Amino acid sequence: MTTAHGTVDRQTHEQPGLRTLGEVLAHSSGPLLVAGGLSWVATYVVEVLIGVTLGEEVHASPELSSSVLVWLWPATFMAAIFFLGAGLLGVGMQVGRRARVLAASGGLLALVACGASLVNLVKLTGVVGEMDASDRLGFLGVIGVLGGSVVLGVAAIRGRALSPNVRLTLALLPLSFVPAIIATIPLEGVAPDYVVADLPFPVVGLVLAVVGLALSRQRD
C-alpha cells in the first residue's frame, strides 16, 4: 500500500534525475553537433585517403578487414550519425517547451539515428558476428539526422526558440542535401569517384559544426 506521502517522496527522487538527463542533453547539444559534423568531415578525408593510397578498386569494393583506413570509413560515418542524433536530441530538449509535438517528433527521428548508428558500430566491432555495417541502417541514420533537423528547426521557428540563424539553418540545411548531390554530378567525369561521391556530407557536416558552435555560445 502506497501512502500519499510515499508517492510524493518517489516523485521528489525521480524528477531531479529526469531533469538532469534533459539538462545534460540540452547543455551538450552544441558540442555533440560539433563532434558529429567534424566526424562527417573526417569520414570524407578517410574516404579520399583510401582512394589515393589504396586505389579506386579498393574504394569501390572495400573489405573492412583489409586495412585500418577501410574500417575507419564506416566507423567515423556511424560515429558522426550518433553524435548528430544525440545533439539533435539536446536541441529537442531546448525547444520542447514551446512546440512539444514537433519537438517530440524531431526527437524521435534523432533517436532512430542514434539507435541505427549504435547497432552498426557494434557490428563493426565484430563481437556479434562478422565485422560488417548495414547500408540500410546507415541510410536510416542519415534520414533520422536530416529529418530530425528539419522538424526541430521548424519547431524552433514556431516556438521562437534558439537564435534565428540557428533555427533557419536546422530547418533548411537538410533540404539542400539532394540538390547538393545533384550539383556533384557534373564533377563525375572530372574527379575520381572517391572525391565526388560523398562530397555533400563534409559540407553539411561543417555547417552543422558551425551550428553547434553557435549553440554552445548561446549556452555560455
C-alpha atoms as a PDB file:
ATOM      1  CA  MET A   1       0.000   0.000   0.000  1.00  0.00           C
ATOM      2  CA  THR A   2       1.402   3.345  -1.007  1.00  0.00           C
ATOM      3  CA  THR A   3       0.643   6.424   1.036  1.00  0.00           C
ATOM      4  CA  ALA A   4       0.330   9.895  -0.421  1.00  0.00           C
ATOM      5  CA  HIS A   5       3.499  10.775   1.449  1.00  0.00           C
ATOM      6  CA  GLY A   6       5.326   7.848  -0.177  1.00  0.00           C
ATOM      7  CA  THR A   7       4.156   8.877  -3.639  1.00  0.00           C
ATOM      8  CA  VAL A   8       5.426  12.410  -3.116  1.00  0.00           C
ATOM      9  CA  ASP A   9       8.754  11.041  -1.897  1.00  0.00           C
ATOM     10  CA  ARG A  10       9.187   8.913  -5.021  1.00  0.00           C
ATOM     11  CA  GLN A  11       8.320  11.805  -7.300  1.00  0.00           C
ATOM     12  CA  THR A  12      10.790  14.013  -5.468  1.00  0.00           C
ATOM     13  CA  HIS A  13      13.557  11.467  -6.036  1.00  0.00           C
ATOM     14  CA  GLU A  14      12.637  10.627  -9.644  1.00  0.00           C
ATOM     15  CA  GLN A  15      12.061  14.081 -11.104  1.00  0.00           C
ATOM     16  CA  PRO A  16      15.531  15.538 -10.399  1.00  0.00           C
ATOM     17  CA  GLY A  17      17.124  12.600 -12.242  1.00  0.00           C
ATOM     18  CA  LEU A  18      14.883  13.118 -15.254  1.00  0.00           C
ATOM     19  CA  ARG A  19      15.575  16.841 -15.240  1.00  0.00           C
ATOM     20  CA  THR A  20      19.297  16.205 -15.003  1.00  0.00           C
ATOM     21  CA  LEU A  21      19.239  13.972 -18.095  1.00  0.00           C
ATOM     22  CA  GLY A  22      17.346  16.634 -20.050  1.00  0.00           C
ATOM     23  CA  GLU A  23      19.683  19.360 -18.874  1.00  0.00           C
ATOM     24  CA  VAL A  24      22.770  17.344 -19.828  1.00  0.00           C
ATOM     25  CA  LEU A  25      21.427  16.706 -23.334  1.00  0.00           C
ATOM     26  CA  ALA A  26      20.364  20.320 -23.786  1.00  0.00           C
ATOM     27  CA  HIS A  27      23.674  21.675 -22.489  1.00  0.00           C
ATOM     28  CA  SER A  28      25.689  19.217 -24.607  1.00  0.00           C
ATOM     29  CA  SER A  29      23.777  19.739 -27.858  1.00  0.00           C
ATOM     30  CA  GLY A  30      26.323  22.216 -29.214  1.00  0.00           C
ATOM     31  CA  PRO A  31      29.476  20.129 -28.582  1.00  0.00           C
ATOM     32  CA  LEU A  32      27.695  16.993 -29.843  1.00  0.00           C
ATOM     33  CA  LEU A  33      26.757  18.690 -33.123  1.00  0.00           C
ATOM     34  CA  VAL A  34      30.333  19.931 -33.484  1.00  0.00           C
ATOM     35  CA  ALA A  35      31.668  16.409 -32.894  1.00  0.00           C
ATOM     36  CA  GLY A  36      29.173  14.912 -35.354  1.00  0.00           C
ATOM     37  CA  GLY A  37      29.772  17.493 -38.046  1.00  0.00           C
ATOM     38  CA  LEU A  38      33.552  17.169 -37.820  1.00  0.00           C
ATOM     39  CA  SER A  39      33.218  13.378 -37.855  1.00  0.00           C
ATOM     40  CA  TRP A  40      31.473  13.628 -41.228  1.00  0.00           C
ATOM     41  CA  VAL A  41      34.399  15.752 -42.428  1.00  0.00           C
ATOM     42  CA  ALA A  42      36.805  13.121 -41.071  1.00  0.00           C
ATOM     43  CA  THR A  43      34.834  10.400 -42.878  1.00  0.00           C
ATOM     44  CA  TYR A  44      35.347  12.202 -46.178  1.00  0.00           C
ATOM     45  CA  VAL A  45      39.074  12.639 -45.501  1.00  0.00           C
ATOM     46  CA  VAL A  46      39.381   8.911 -44.766  1.00  0.00           C
ATOM     47  CA  GLU A  47      37.491   8.078 -47.966  1.00  0.00           C
ATOM     48  CA  VAL A  48      39.808  10.236 -50.071  1.00  0.00           C
ATOM     49  CA  LEU A  49      42.858   8.700 -48.389  1.00  0.00           C
ATOM     50  CA  ILE A  50      41.539   5.240 -49.256  1.00  0.00           C
ATOM     51  CA  GLY A  51      41.174   6.213 -52.884  1.00  0.00           C
ATOM     52  CA  VAL A  52      44.598   7.870 -53.056  1.00  0.00           C
ATOM     53  CA  THR A  53      46.628   5.276 -51.123  1.00  0.00           C
ATOM     54  CA  LEU A  54      44.777   2.016 -51.772  1.00  0.00           C
ATOM     55  CA  GLY A  55      43.280   2.709 -55.194  1.00  0.00           C
ATOM     56  CA  GLU A  56      39.850   3.078 -56.727  1.00  0.00           C
ATOM     57  CA  GLU A  57      39.240  -0.676 -56.809  1.00  0.00           C
ATOM     58  CA  VAL A  58      39.503  -0.898 -53.008  1.00  0.00           C
ATOM     59  CA  HIS A  59      37.283   2.172 -52.689  1.00  0.00           C
ATOM     60  CA  ALA A  60      34.665   0.589 -54.928  1.00  0.00           C
ATOM     61  CA  SER A  61      34.718  -2.798 -53.131  1.00  0.00           C
ATOM     62  CA  PRO A  62      36.081  -2.228 -49.625  1.00  0.00           C
ATOM     63  CA  GLU A  63      36.930  -5.138 -47.317  1.00  0.00           C
ATOM     64  CA  LEU A  64      36.762  -3.995 -43.694  1.00  0.00           C
ATOM     65  CA  SER A  65      39.499  -6.371 -42.569  1.00  0.00           C
ATOM     66  CA  SER A  66      41.933  -5.317 -45.286  1.00  0.00           C
ATOM     67  CA  SER A  67      43.036  -2.006 -43.771  1.00  0.00           C
ATOM     68  CA  VAL A  68      42.513   0.242 -40.759  1.00  0.00           C
ATOM     69  CA  LEU A  69      41.557   3.038 -43.136  1.00  0.00           C
ATOM     70  CA  VAL A  70      38.838   0.905 -44.714  1.00  0.00           C
ATOM     71  CA  TRP A  71      37.446   0.094 -41.247  1.00  0.00           C
ATOM     72  CA  LEU A  72      37.597   3.751 -40.171  1.00  0.00           C
ATOM     73  CA  TRP A  73      35.493   4.797 -43.159  1.00  0.00           C
ATOM     74  CA  PRO A  74      32.164   3.381 -41.894  1.00  0.00           C
ATOM     75  CA  ALA A  75      33.193   3.754 -38.233  1.00  0.00           C
ATOM     76  CA  THR A  76      33.634   7.532 -38.441  1.00  0.00           C
ATOM     77  CA  PHE A  77      30.482   7.815 -40.552  1.00  0.00           C
ATOM     78  CA  MET A  78      28.394   5.981 -37.928  1.00  0.00           C
ATOM     79  CA  ALA A  79      30.022   7.932 -35.104  1.00  0.00           C
ATOM     80  CA  ALA A  80      29.001  11.130 -36.882  1.00  0.00           C
ATOM     81  CA  ILE A  81      25.398   9.975 -37.112  1.00  0.00           C
ATOM     82  CA  PHE A  82      25.360   9.059 -33.409  1.00  0.00           C
ATOM     83  CA  PHE A  83      26.799  12.403 -32.285  1.00  0.00           C
ATOM     84  CA  LEU A  84      24.489  14.369 -34.585  1.00  0.00           C
ATOM     85  CA  GLY A  85      21.468  12.378 -33.403  1.00  0.00           C
ATOM     86  CA  ALA A  86      22.399  12.950 -29.766  1.00  0.00           C
ATOM     87  CA  GLY A  87      22.960  16.644 -30.446  1.00  0.00           C
ATOM     88  CA  LEU A  88      19.543  16.930 -32.066  1.00  0.00           C
ATOM     89  CA  LEU A  89      18.006  15.219 -29.033  1.00  0.00           C
ATOM     90  CA  GLY A  90      19.520  18.016 -26.965  1.00  0.00           C
ATOM     91  CA  VAL A  91      18.060  20.604 -29.344  1.00  0.00           C
ATOM     92  CA  GLY A  92      14.680  18.939 -28.882  1.00  0.00           C
ATOM     93  CA  MET A  93      15.031  19.389 -25.127  1.00  0.00           C
ATOM     94  CA  GLN A  94      15.592  23.103 -25.657  1.00  0.00           C
ATOM     95  CA  VAL A  95      12.630  23.729 -27.958  1.00  0.00           C
ATOM     96  CA  GLY A  96      10.231  21.195 -26.420  1.00  0.00           C
ATOM     97  CA  ARG A  97       8.549  23.584 -24.020  1.00  0.00           C
ATOM     98  CA  ARG A  98       7.319  25.812 -26.828  1.00  0.00           C
ATOM     99  CA  ALA A  99       6.492  23.267 -29.541  1.00  0.00           C
ATOM    100  CA  ARG A 100       6.032  19.923 -27.815  1.00  0.00           C
ATOM    101  CA  VAL A 101       4.564  17.839 -30.641  1.00  0.00           C
ATOM    102  CA  LEU A 102       7.120  18.912 -33.236  1.00  0.00           C
ATOM    103  CA  ALA A 103       9.961  18.634 -30.735  1.00  0.00           C
ATOM    104  CA  ALA A 104       8.870  15.116 -29.786  1.00  0.00           C
ATOM    105  CA  SER A 105       8.645  14.117 -33.466  1.00  0.00           C
ATOM    106  CA  GLY A 106      12.093  15.514 -34.230  1.00  0.00           C
ATOM    107  CA  GLY A 107      13.487  13.891 -31.113  1.00  0.00           C
ATOM    108  CA  LEU A 108      12.079  10.540 -32.204  1.00  0.00           C
ATOM    109  CA  LEU A 109      13.814  10.832 -35.572  1.00  0.00           C
ATOM    110  CA  ALA A 110      17.057  11.748 -33.809  1.00  0.00           C
ATOM    111  CA  LEU A 111      16.634   8.742 -31.519  1.00  0.00           C
ATOM    112  CA  VAL A 112      16.228   6.492 -34.575  1.00  0.00           C
ATOM    113  CA  ALA A 113      19.505   7.885 -35.918  1.00  0.00           C
ATOM    114  CA  CYS A 114      21.265   7.149 -32.618  1.00  0.00           C
ATOM    115  CA  GLY A 115      19.872   3.621 -32.491  1.00  0.00           C
ATOM    116  CA  ALA A 116      20.738   2.758 -36.089  1.00  0.00           C
ATOM    117  CA  SER A 117      24.276   4.068 -35.739  1.00  0.00           C
ATOM    118  CA  LEU A 118      24.835   2.236 -32.449  1.00  0.00           C
ATOM    119  CA  VAL A 119      23.787  -1.071 -33.992  1.00  0.00           C
ATOM    120  CA  ASN A 120      26.212  -0.551 -36.863  1.00  0.00           C
ATOM    121  CA  LEU A 121      29.021   0.484 -34.515  1.00  0.00           C
ATOM    122  CA  VAL A 122      28.531  -2.734 -32.549  1.00  0.00           C
ATOM    123  CA  LYS A 123      28.509  -4.733 -35.804  1.00  0.00           C
ATOM    124  CA  LEU A 124      31.777  -3.056 -36.800  1.00  0.00           C
ATOM    125  CA  THR A 125      33.487  -4.367 -33.669  1.00  0.00           C
ATOM    126  CA  GLY A 126      32.792  -7.946 -34.770  1.00  0.00           C
ATOM    127  CA  VAL A 127      31.668  -9.024 -31.281  1.00  0.00           C
ATOM    128  CA  VAL A 128      28.284 -10.250 -32.555  1.00  0.00           C
ATOM    129  CA  GLY A 129      29.447 -11.974 -35.707  1.00  0.00           C
ATOM    130  CA  GLU A 130      31.247 -10.967 -38.846  1.00  0.00           C
ATOM    131  CA  MET A 131      32.681  -7.460 -38.865  1.00  0.00           C
ATOM    132  CA  ASP A 132      30.224  -5.571 -41.029  1.00  0.00           C
ATOM    133  CA  ALA A 133      27.995  -2.491 -41.337  1.00  0.00           C
ATOM    134  CA  SER A 134      24.494  -2.376 -42.740  1.00  0.00           C
ATOM    135  CA  ASP A 135      23.949   0.124 -45.558  1.00  0.00           C
ATOM    136  CA  ARG A 136      20.236   0.171 -44.715  1.00  0.00           C
ATOM    137  CA  LEU A 137      20.932   1.146 -41.125  1.00  0.00           C
ATOM    138  CA  GLY A 138      23.348   3.791 -42.341  1.00  0.00           C
ATOM    139  CA  PHE A 139      20.691   5.186 -44.669  1.00  0.00           C
ATOM    140  CA  LEU A 140      18.149   5.102 -41.829  1.00  0.00           C
ATOM    141  CA  GLY A 141      20.566   7.021 -39.627  1.00  0.00           C
ATOM    142  CA  VAL A 142      21.090   9.702 -42.277  1.00  0.00           C
ATOM    143  CA  ILE A 143      17.314  10.065 -42.720  1.00  0.00           C
ATOM    144  CA  GLY A 144      16.940  10.346 -38.945  1.00  0.00           C
ATOM    145  CA  VAL A 145      19.524  13.133 -38.765  1.00  0.00           C
ATOM    146  CA  LEU A 146      18.246  15.095 -41.754  1.00  0.00           C
ATOM    147  CA  GLY A 147      14.566  14.604 -40.914  1.00  0.00           C
ATOM    148  CA  GLY A 148      15.142  15.389 -37.255  1.00  0.00           C
ATOM    149  CA  SER A 149      16.990  18.567 -38.173  1.00  0.00           C
ATOM    150  CA  VAL A 150      14.116  19.766 -40.387  1.00  0.00           C
ATOM    151  CA  VAL A 151      11.410  19.016 -37.818  1.00  0.00           C
ATOM    152  CA  LEU A 152      13.341  20.528 -34.909  1.00  0.00           C
ATOM    153  CA  GLY A 153      14.200  23.577 -36.999  1.00  0.00           C
ATOM    154  CA  VAL A 154      10.502  24.082 -37.751  1.00  0.00           C
ATOM    155  CA  ALA A 155       9.715  23.544 -34.061  1.00  0.00           C
ATOM    156  CA  ALA A 156      12.252  26.216 -33.120  1.00  0.00           C
ATOM    157  CA  ILE A 157      10.773  28.602 -35.691  1.00  0.00           C
ATOM    158  CA  ARG A 158       7.222  28.074 -34.457  1.00  0.00           C
ATOM    159  CA  GLY A 159       8.251  28.343 -30.816  1.00  0.00           C
ATOM    160  CA  ARG A 160      10.718  31.170 -31.464  1.00  0.00           C
ATOM    161  CA  ALA A 161      13.393  29.210 -29.660  1.00  0.00           C
ATOM    162  CA  LEU A 162      17.138  29.444 -30.347  1.00  0.00           C
ATOM    163  CA  SER A 163      18.613  32.221 -32.497  1.00  0.00           C
ATOM    164  CA  PRO A 164      17.078  32.985 -35.918  1.00  0.00           C
ATOM    165  CA  ASN A 165      20.182  31.827 -37.786  1.00  0.00           C
ATOM    166  CA  VAL A 166      20.358  28.517 -35.924  1.00  0.00           C
ATOM    167  CA  ARG A 167      16.706  27.592 -36.335  1.00  0.00           C
ATOM    168  CA  LEU A 168      16.632  28.555 -40.022  1.00  0.00           C
ATOM    169  CA  THR A 169      19.809  26.571 -40.715  1.00  0.00           C
ATOM    170  CA  LEU A 170      18.459  23.489 -38.932  1.00  0.00           C
ATOM    171  CA  ALA A 171      15.218  23.687 -40.914  1.00  0.00           C
ATOM    172  CA  LEU A 172      16.654  24.424 -44.359  1.00  0.00           C
ATOM    173  CA  LEU A 173      20.106  22.802 -44.483  1.00  0.00           C
ATOM    174  CA  PRO A 174      18.906  19.183 -44.869  1.00  0.00           C
ATOM    175  CA  LEU A 175      16.552  20.260 -47.663  1.00  0.00           C
ATOM    176  CA  SER A 176      19.618  21.322 -49.660  1.00  0.00           C
ATOM    177  CA  PHE A 177      21.213  17.881 -49.370  1.00  0.00           C
ATOM    178  CA  VAL A 178      19.612  16.421 -52.504  1.00  0.00           C
ATOM    179  CA  PRO A 179      20.408  19.495 -54.666  1.00  0.00           C
ATOM    180  CA  ALA A 180      23.980  19.283 -53.363  1.00  0.00           C
ATOM    181  CA  ILE A 181      24.187  15.686 -54.571  1.00  0.00           C
ATOM    182  CA  ILE A 182      22.822  16.713 -57.963  1.00  0.00           C
ATOM    183  CA  ALA A 183      25.384  19.523 -58.140  1.00  0.00           C
ATOM    184  CA  THR A 184      28.217  16.984 -57.890  1.00  0.00           C
ATOM    185  CA  ILE A 185      27.064  15.096 -60.999  1.00  0.00           C
ATOM    186  CA  PRO A 186      28.998  17.339 -63.442  1.00  0.00           C
ATOM    187  CA  LEU A 187      32.165  16.608 -61.449  1.00  0.00           C
ATOM    188  CA  GLU A 188      31.903  12.859 -62.004  1.00  0.00           C
ATOM    189  CA  GLY A 189      33.727  12.963 -65.320  1.00  0.00           C
ATOM    190  CA  VAL A 190      36.423  15.277 -63.965  1.00  0.00           C
ATOM    191  CA  ALA A 191      37.316  13.953 -60.495  1.00  0.00           C
ATOM    192  CA  PRO A 192      37.596  10.398 -59.155  1.00  0.00           C
ATOM    193  CA  ASP A 193      34.555   8.814 -57.547  1.00  0.00           C
ATOM    194  CA  TYR A 194      36.129   8.865 -54.095  1.00  0.00           C
ATOM    195  CA  VAL A 195      36.356  12.660 -54.320  1.00  0.00           C
ATOM    196  CA  VAL A 196      32.869  13.313 -55.688  1.00  0.00           C
ATOM    197  CA  ALA A 197      30.526  10.610 -54.377  1.00  0.00           C
ATOM    198  CA  ASP A 198      30.148  11.763 -50.762  1.00  0.00           C
ATOM    199  CA  LEU A 199      31.118  15.417 -51.124  1.00  0.00           C
ATOM    200  CA  PRO A 200      27.803  16.743 -49.664  1.00  0.00           C
ATOM    201  CA  PHE A 201      28.492  15.072 -46.300  1.00  0.00           C
ATOM    202  CA  PRO A 202      31.543  17.136 -45.261  1.00  0.00           C
ATOM    203  CA  VAL A 203      29.793  20.306 -46.468  1.00  0.00           C
ATOM    204  CA  VAL A 204      26.697  19.587 -44.378  1.00  0.00           C
ATOM    205  CA  GLY A 205      28.952  18.417 -41.537  1.00  0.00           C
ATOM    206  CA  LEU A 206      30.858  21.714 -41.474  1.00  0.00           C
ATOM    207  CA  VAL A 207      27.638  23.720 -41.385  1.00  0.00           C
ATOM    208  CA  LEU A 208      26.230  21.583 -38.552  1.00  0.00           C
ATOM    209  CA  ALA A 209      29.508  22.037 -36.671  1.00  0.00           C
ATOM    210  CA  VAL A 210      29.085  25.814 -37.010  1.00  0.00           C
ATOM    211  CA  VAL A 211      25.515  25.456 -35.718  1.00  0.00           C
ATOM    212  CA  GLY A 212      26.911  23.505 -32.781  1.00  0.00           C
ATOM    213  CA  LEU A 213      29.397  26.278 -32.020  1.00  0.00           C
ATOM    214  CA  ALA A 214      26.569  28.843 -32.131  1.00  0.00           C
ATOM    215  CA  LEU A 215      24.512  26.740 -29.722  1.00  0.00           C
ATOM    216  CA  SER A 216      27.480  26.398 -27.380  1.00  0.00           C
ATOM    217  CA  ARG A 217      27.938  30.163 -27.279  1.00  0.00           C
ATOM    218  CA  GLN A 218      24.244  30.657 -26.533  1.00  0.00           C
ATOM    219  CA  ARG A 219      24.504  28.258 -23.594  1.00  0.00           C
ATOM    220  CA  ASP A 220      27.579  30.005 -22.126  1.00  0.00           C
END
